[in-house]
Amino acid sequence: MAISIQTYIKLANFYNEMSRVLSAVCVEKGGIALENYVGRFFAADVLEYIVEYGNRLKKSGAQLTPEITNAMDLFEKRFESVKHLVTPTQKPIYEMTLEEFEKIMNI
C-alpha cells in the first residue's frame, strides 16, 4: 500500500469517529471513565498506527500542509499519554502479577 496524505486523513477521521463512539459507549454503560473502558487498548493501538503512518509519510517527502503537520503533532502528543496501553507492552493476563493486572484494569 502506497503511503499517501489521503490515507492519513482517512485514518485520522476514523480515529476521531471511533473516539466519539467510545465516549458514547462509556456514557451508555453508566458513565464509566474512558480510562477504565476495555476498548482503550484498541484505541491506543490505532493511535500508535496513525502516528507511525504519519512518521512514514514525513519520511517519504510528501508535501504536507501546515494543517496535516499540526494534526500529526496532536496525534503524537495524544499517543504519548496512552503509549503504555499499546499491545506490545502488554503481557497476557495469565502471566501478570495481581498488581500488574490491577494497574491495567484500573482497579
C-alpha atoms as a PDB file:
ATOM      1  CA  MET A   1       0.000   0.000   0.000  1.00  0.00           C
ATOM      2  CA  ALA A   2       1.405   3.340  -1.019  1.00  0.00           C
ATOM      3  CA  ILE A   3       1.670   5.907   1.728  1.00  0.00           C
ATOM      4  CA  SER A   4      -0.461   8.943   0.940  1.00  0.00           C
ATOM      5  CA  ILE A   5      -1.832  12.034   2.585  1.00  0.00           C
ATOM      6  CA  GLN A   6      -5.384  10.976   1.682  1.00  0.00           C
ATOM      7  CA  THR A   7      -4.956   7.694   3.538  1.00  0.00           C
ATOM      8  CA  TYR A   8      -3.573   9.539   6.557  1.00  0.00           C
ATOM      9  CA  ILE A   9      -6.619  11.813   6.580  1.00  0.00           C
ATOM     10  CA  LYS A  10      -8.912   8.771   6.408  1.00  0.00           C
ATOM     11  CA  LEU A  11      -7.082   7.163   9.331  1.00  0.00           C
ATOM     12  CA  ALA A  12      -7.288  10.370  11.360  1.00  0.00           C
ATOM     13  CA  ASN A  13     -11.015  10.682  10.636  1.00  0.00           C
ATOM     14  CA  PHE A  14     -11.537   7.045  11.609  1.00  0.00           C
ATOM     15  CA  TYR A  15      -9.776   7.581  14.927  1.00  0.00           C
ATOM     16  CA  ASN A  16     -11.764  10.720  15.673  1.00  0.00           C
ATOM     17  CA  GLU A  17     -15.065   8.964  14.934  1.00  0.00           C
ATOM     18  CA  MET A  18     -14.006   5.933  16.953  1.00  0.00           C
ATOM     19  CA  SER A  19     -13.176   8.196  19.899  1.00  0.00           C
ATOM     20  CA  ARG A  20     -16.658   9.682  19.747  1.00  0.00           C
ATOM     21  CA  VAL A  21     -18.232   6.236  19.676  1.00  0.00           C
ATOM     22  CA  LEU A  22     -16.089   5.020  22.594  1.00  0.00           C
ATOM     23  CA  SER A  23     -17.156   8.065  24.599  1.00  0.00           C
ATOM     24  CA  ALA A  24     -20.807   7.389  23.784  1.00  0.00           C
ATOM     25  CA  VAL A  25     -20.446   3.739  24.812  1.00  0.00           C
ATOM     26  CA  CYS A  26     -18.932   4.799  28.133  1.00  0.00           C
ATOM     27  CA  VAL A  27     -21.873   7.126  28.752  1.00  0.00           C
ATOM     28  CA  GLU A  28     -24.396   4.425  27.830  1.00  0.00           C
ATOM     29  CA  LYS A  29     -22.722   1.950  30.170  1.00  0.00           C
ATOM     30  CA  GLY A  30     -23.424   4.159  33.144  1.00  0.00           C
ATOM     31  CA  GLY A  31     -20.834   6.866  32.761  1.00  0.00           C
ATOM     32  CA  ILE A  32     -17.713   4.783  33.189  1.00  0.00           C
ATOM     33  CA  ALA A  33     -14.474   6.686  32.696  1.00  0.00           C
ATOM     34  CA  LEU A  34     -12.859   6.184  29.304  1.00  0.00           C
ATOM     35  CA  GLU A  35      -9.601   5.195  31.018  1.00  0.00           C
ATOM     36  CA  ASN A  36     -11.484   2.284  32.635  1.00  0.00           C
ATOM     37  CA  TYR A  37     -13.106   1.067  29.402  1.00  0.00           C
ATOM     38  CA  VAL A  38     -11.624  -2.086  27.892  1.00  0.00           C
ATOM     39  CA  GLY A  39     -11.710  -0.525  24.400  1.00  0.00           C
ATOM     40  CA  ARG A  40      -8.926   1.841  25.422  1.00  0.00           C
ATOM     41  CA  PHE A  41      -6.338  -0.770  24.421  1.00  0.00           C
ATOM     42  CA  PHE A  42      -7.662  -0.964  20.853  1.00  0.00           C
ATOM     43  CA  ALA A  43      -7.834   2.835  20.665  1.00  0.00           C
ATOM     44  CA  ALA A  44      -4.194   3.059  21.781  1.00  0.00           C
ATOM     45  CA  ASP A  45      -3.172   0.530  19.117  1.00  0.00           C
ATOM     46  CA  VAL A  46      -4.988   2.511  16.414  1.00  0.00           C
ATOM     47  CA  LEU A  47      -3.399   5.738  17.599  1.00  0.00           C
ATOM     48  CA  GLU A  48       0.028   4.103  17.508  1.00  0.00           C
ATOM     49  CA  TYR A  49      -0.625   3.034  13.908  1.00  0.00           C
ATOM     50  CA  ILE A  50      -1.675   6.555  12.913  1.00  0.00           C
ATOM     51  CA  VAL A  51       1.419   8.095  14.497  1.00  0.00           C
ATOM     52  CA  GLU A  52       3.683   5.570  12.775  1.00  0.00           C
ATOM     53  CA  TYR A  53       1.907   6.152   9.452  1.00  0.00           C
ATOM     54  CA  GLY A  54       2.434   9.895   9.900  1.00  0.00           C
ATOM     55  CA  ASN A  55       6.134   9.364  10.572  1.00  0.00           C
ATOM     56  CA  ARG A  56       6.444   7.311   7.392  1.00  0.00           C
ATOM     57  CA  LEU A  57       4.565   9.982   5.482  1.00  0.00           C
ATOM     58  CA  LYS A  58       7.033  12.627   6.717  1.00  0.00           C
ATOM     59  CA  LYS A  59       9.988  10.441   5.713  1.00  0.00           C
ATOM     60  CA  SER A  60       8.520   9.873   2.250  1.00  0.00           C
ATOM     61  CA  GLY A  61       8.978  13.548   1.446  1.00  0.00           C
ATOM     62  CA  ALA A  62       5.298  14.205   0.804  1.00  0.00           C
ATOM     63  CA  GLN A  63       4.226  17.834   0.557  1.00  0.00           C
ATOM     64  CA  LEU A  64       2.488  18.305   3.911  1.00  0.00           C
ATOM     65  CA  THR A  65       0.280  21.281   4.603  1.00  0.00           C
ATOM     66  CA  PRO A  66       0.503  23.023   7.973  1.00  0.00           C
ATOM     67  CA  GLU A  67      -2.901  21.550   8.875  1.00  0.00           C
ATOM     68  CA  ILE A  68      -1.672  17.983   8.311  1.00  0.00           C
ATOM     69  CA  THR A  69       1.534  18.677  10.242  1.00  0.00           C
ATOM     70  CA  ASN A  70      -0.491  20.109  13.141  1.00  0.00           C
ATOM     71  CA  ALA A  71      -2.744  17.032  13.133  1.00  0.00           C
ATOM     72  CA  MET A  72       0.320  14.780  13.223  1.00  0.00           C
ATOM     73  CA  ASP A  73       1.702  16.721  16.183  1.00  0.00           C
ATOM     74  CA  LEU A  74      -1.630  16.459  18.039  1.00  0.00           C
ATOM     75  CA  PHE A  75      -1.815  12.700  17.479  1.00  0.00           C
ATOM     76  CA  GLU A  76       1.786  12.301  18.673  1.00  0.00           C
ATOM     77  CA  LYS A  77       1.024  14.240  21.870  1.00  0.00           C
ATOM     78  CA  ARG A  78      -2.134  12.209  22.461  1.00  0.00           C
ATOM     79  CA  PHE A  79      -0.208   8.986  21.863  1.00  0.00           C
ATOM     80  CA  GLU A  80       2.390   9.899  24.499  1.00  0.00           C
ATOM     81  CA  SER A  81      -0.328   9.785  27.164  1.00  0.00           C
ATOM     82  CA  VAL A  82      -1.524   6.296  26.154  1.00  0.00           C
ATOM     83  CA  LYS A  83       1.751   4.760  24.994  1.00  0.00           C
ATOM     84  CA  HIS A  84       1.737   2.364  27.954  1.00  0.00           C
ATOM     85  CA  LEU A  85      -1.528   0.788  26.714  1.00  0.00           C
ATOM     86  CA  VAL A  86      -0.373  -0.445  23.304  1.00  0.00           C
ATOM     87  CA  THR A  87      -0.446  -4.177  22.771  1.00  0.00           C
ATOM     88  CA  PRO A  88       3.294  -4.975  22.506  1.00  0.00           C
ATOM     89  CA  THR A  89       3.831  -3.785  26.069  1.00  0.00           C
ATOM     90  CA  GLN A  90       1.030  -5.935  27.479  1.00  0.00           C
ATOM     91  CA  LYS A  91       1.636  -9.365  28.927  1.00  0.00           C
ATOM     92  CA  PRO A  92      -1.041 -11.994  28.586  1.00  0.00           C
ATOM     93  CA  ILE A  93      -3.314 -11.871  31.637  1.00  0.00           C
ATOM     94  CA  TYR A  94      -2.166 -15.299  32.817  1.00  0.00           C
ATOM     95  CA  GLU A  95       1.441 -14.016  33.036  1.00  0.00           C
ATOM     96  CA  MET A  96       0.602 -10.862  35.023  1.00  0.00           C
ATOM     97  CA  THR A  97       1.038 -10.429  38.711  1.00  0.00           C
ATOM     98  CA  LEU A  98      -2.011  -9.261  40.628  1.00  0.00           C
ATOM     99  CA  GLU A  99      -0.503  -5.782  40.911  1.00  0.00           C
ATOM    100  CA  GLU A 100       0.096  -5.580  37.143  1.00  0.00           C
ATOM    101  CA  PHE A 101      -3.439  -6.756  36.426  1.00  0.00           C
ATOM    102  CA  GLU A 102      -4.944  -4.226  38.832  1.00  0.00           C
ATOM    103  CA  LYS A 103      -2.903  -1.429  37.261  1.00  0.00           C
ATOM    104  CA  ILE A 104      -4.011  -2.355  33.727  1.00  0.00           C
ATOM    105  CA  MET A 105      -7.650  -2.681  34.744  1.00  0.00           C
ATOM    106  CA  ASN A 106      -7.535   0.483  36.914  1.00  0.00           C
ATOM    107  CA  ILE A 107      -8.780  -1.412  39.961  1.00  0.00           C
END
